[in-house]
């Protein structure tokens, strides 16, 4: 399965939110009932530190919302970072990556 690449922008010191829709091969909404989700951001794949996004699922519509508060985004490294969103099937513990991409973190002057 090809993982969709969605590149994001985060401004340091501001609240961040993005919404993704997981779909089946035919384009219909993937039912996320029985799944949990997680999303993390790192400076590079082998980095020993990461920041976690808060994650909210709407199971029936296949919607995954990720967010970070301003206190978390203020601690991010400026420049290009990477992230991914994974889902875990509760019954089998099978993990699938559903989105990935770059996050460009920009400094904020007024915050």
Protein backbone atom coordinates (compact mmCIF):
# COMPACT_ATOMS: atom_id res chain seq x y z
CA UNK A 1 0.00 0.00 0.00
CA UNK A 2 1.31 3.44 -0.92
CA UNK A 3 1.41 5.86 1.98
CA UNK A 4 0.12 9.33 1.05
CA UNK A 5 2.66 12.11 1.52
CA UNK A 6 1.20 15.29 2.99
CA UNK A 7 3.66 18.10 3.76
CA UNK A 8 2.74 20.46 6.60
CA UNK A 9 3.69 23.89 7.96
CA UNK A 10 3.89 24.76 11.65
CA UNK A 11 4.62 28.24 12.98
CA UNK A 12 6.53 28.10 16.28
CA UNK A 13 4.55 29.23 19.31
CA UNK A 14 1.14 28.84 17.66
CA UNK A 15 -1.55 26.18 17.93
CA UNK A 16 -1.46 23.63 15.10
CA UNK A 17 -4.13 21.29 13.74
CA UNK A 18 -4.48 19.13 10.62
CA UNK A 19 -7.17 16.67 9.57
CA UNK A 20 -6.63 13.55 7.46
CA UNK A 21 -9.16 11.17 5.93
CA UNK A 22 -8.22 7.50 5.69
CA UNK A 23 -9.90 5.84 2.72
CA UNK A 24 -10.31 2.38 1.23
CA UNK A 25 -8.98 1.57 -2.25
CA UNK A 26 -12.37 2.52 -3.74
CA UNK A 27 -12.24 5.98 -2.12
CA UNK A 28 -14.83 5.26 0.57
CA UNK A 29 -14.13 6.13 4.21
CA UNK A 30 -12.09 3.53 6.09
CA UNK A 31 -13.90 2.57 9.29
CA UNK A 32 -11.49 3.15 12.19
CA UNK A 33 -13.61 1.32 14.75
CA UNK A 34 -11.25 -0.91 16.73
CA UNK A 35 -8.19 1.20 15.91
CA UNK A 36 -6.04 3.66 17.80
CA UNK A 37 -3.74 6.22 16.21
CA UNK A 38 -0.45 7.96 17.00
CA UNK A 39 1.55 10.68 15.28
CA UNK A 40 5.07 11.93 15.97
CA UNK A 41 7.48 14.52 14.61
CA UNK A 42 11.29 14.18 14.50
CA UNK A 43 14.13 16.26 13.09
CA UNK A 44 15.32 13.17 11.17
CA UNK A 45 14.42 9.44 11.17
CA UNK A 46 17.20 8.35 13.55
CA UNK A 47 16.72 11.20 16.02
CA UNK A 48 16.45 9.95 19.60
CA UNK A 49 13.92 12.66 20.49
CA UNK A 50 10.45 13.25 19.12
CA UNK A 51 7.35 15.30 19.81
CA UNK A 52 3.95 13.63 19.84
CA UNK A 53 0.85 15.13 18.33
CA UNK A 54 -2.47 14.87 20.15
CA UNK A 55 -4.66 12.57 18.04
CA UNK A 56 -8.45 12.36 17.75
CA UNK A 57 -10.26 9.70 15.69
CA UNK A 58 -13.74 9.86 14.19
CA UNK A 59 -14.06 6.15 13.48
CA UNK A 60 -17.13 6.11 11.24
CA UNK A 61 -15.78 8.73 8.81
CA UNK A 62 -12.12 7.60 8.82
CA UNK A 63 -11.04 11.01 10.06
CA UNK A 64 -7.82 11.52 12.04
CA UNK A 65 -7.13 14.94 13.53
CA UNK A 66 -3.64 15.76 14.82
CA UNK A 67 -2.79 18.82 16.88
CA UNK A 68 -0.09 20.51 18.96
CA UNK A 69 -0.49 23.29 21.46
CA UNK A 70 1.50 26.50 21.25
CA UNK A 71 3.64 25.41 24.20
CA UNK A 72 4.75 22.32 22.24
CA UNK A 73 5.27 24.06 18.88
CA UNK A 74 7.46 26.66 20.58
CA UNK A 75 9.93 23.86 21.38
CA UNK A 76 10.19 22.50 17.81
CA UNK A 77 13.37 22.75 15.75
CA UNK A 78 13.10 25.36 13.01
CA UNK A 79 13.47 24.01 9.49
CA UNK A 80 12.48 20.73 7.92
CA UNK A 81 11.32 17.90 10.18
CA UNK A 82 9.51 14.64 9.38
CA UNK A 83 6.30 13.12 10.74
CA UNK A 84 4.04 10.17 10.27
CA UNK A 85 0.61 9.00 11.38
CA UNK A 86 0.10 5.32 12.23
CA UNK A 87 -2.96 3.32 13.17
CA UNK A 88 -2.96 0.19 15.30
CA UNK A 89 -5.68 -2.45 15.08
CA UNK A 90 -6.53 -3.13 18.71
CA UNK A 91 -7.43 -6.81 18.25
CA UNK A 92 -4.26 -7.83 16.38
CA UNK A 93 -1.76 -5.05 17.29
CA UNK A 94 -1.08 -4.67 13.55
CA UNK A 95 0.42 -1.24 12.84
CA UNK A 96 -0.08 0.58 9.52
CA UNK A 97 1.36 3.91 8.45
CA UNK A 98 -1.44 5.97 6.88
CA UNK A 99 0.24 9.39 6.28
CA UNK A 100 3.75 10.78 6.24
CA UNK A 101 5.64 13.83 5.09
CA UNK A 102 7.80 16.80 5.91
CA UNK A 103 6.90 19.49 8.40
CA UNK A 104 8.52 22.84 7.82
CA UNK A 105 8.71 24.70 11.12
CA UNK A 106 8.92 28.47 10.77
CA UNK A 107 10.00 30.93 13.48
CA UNK A 108 7.41 33.40 14.74
CA UNK A 109 8.35 37.00 15.40
CA UNK A 110 5.26 38.16 17.30
CA UNK A 111 4.88 35.19 19.64
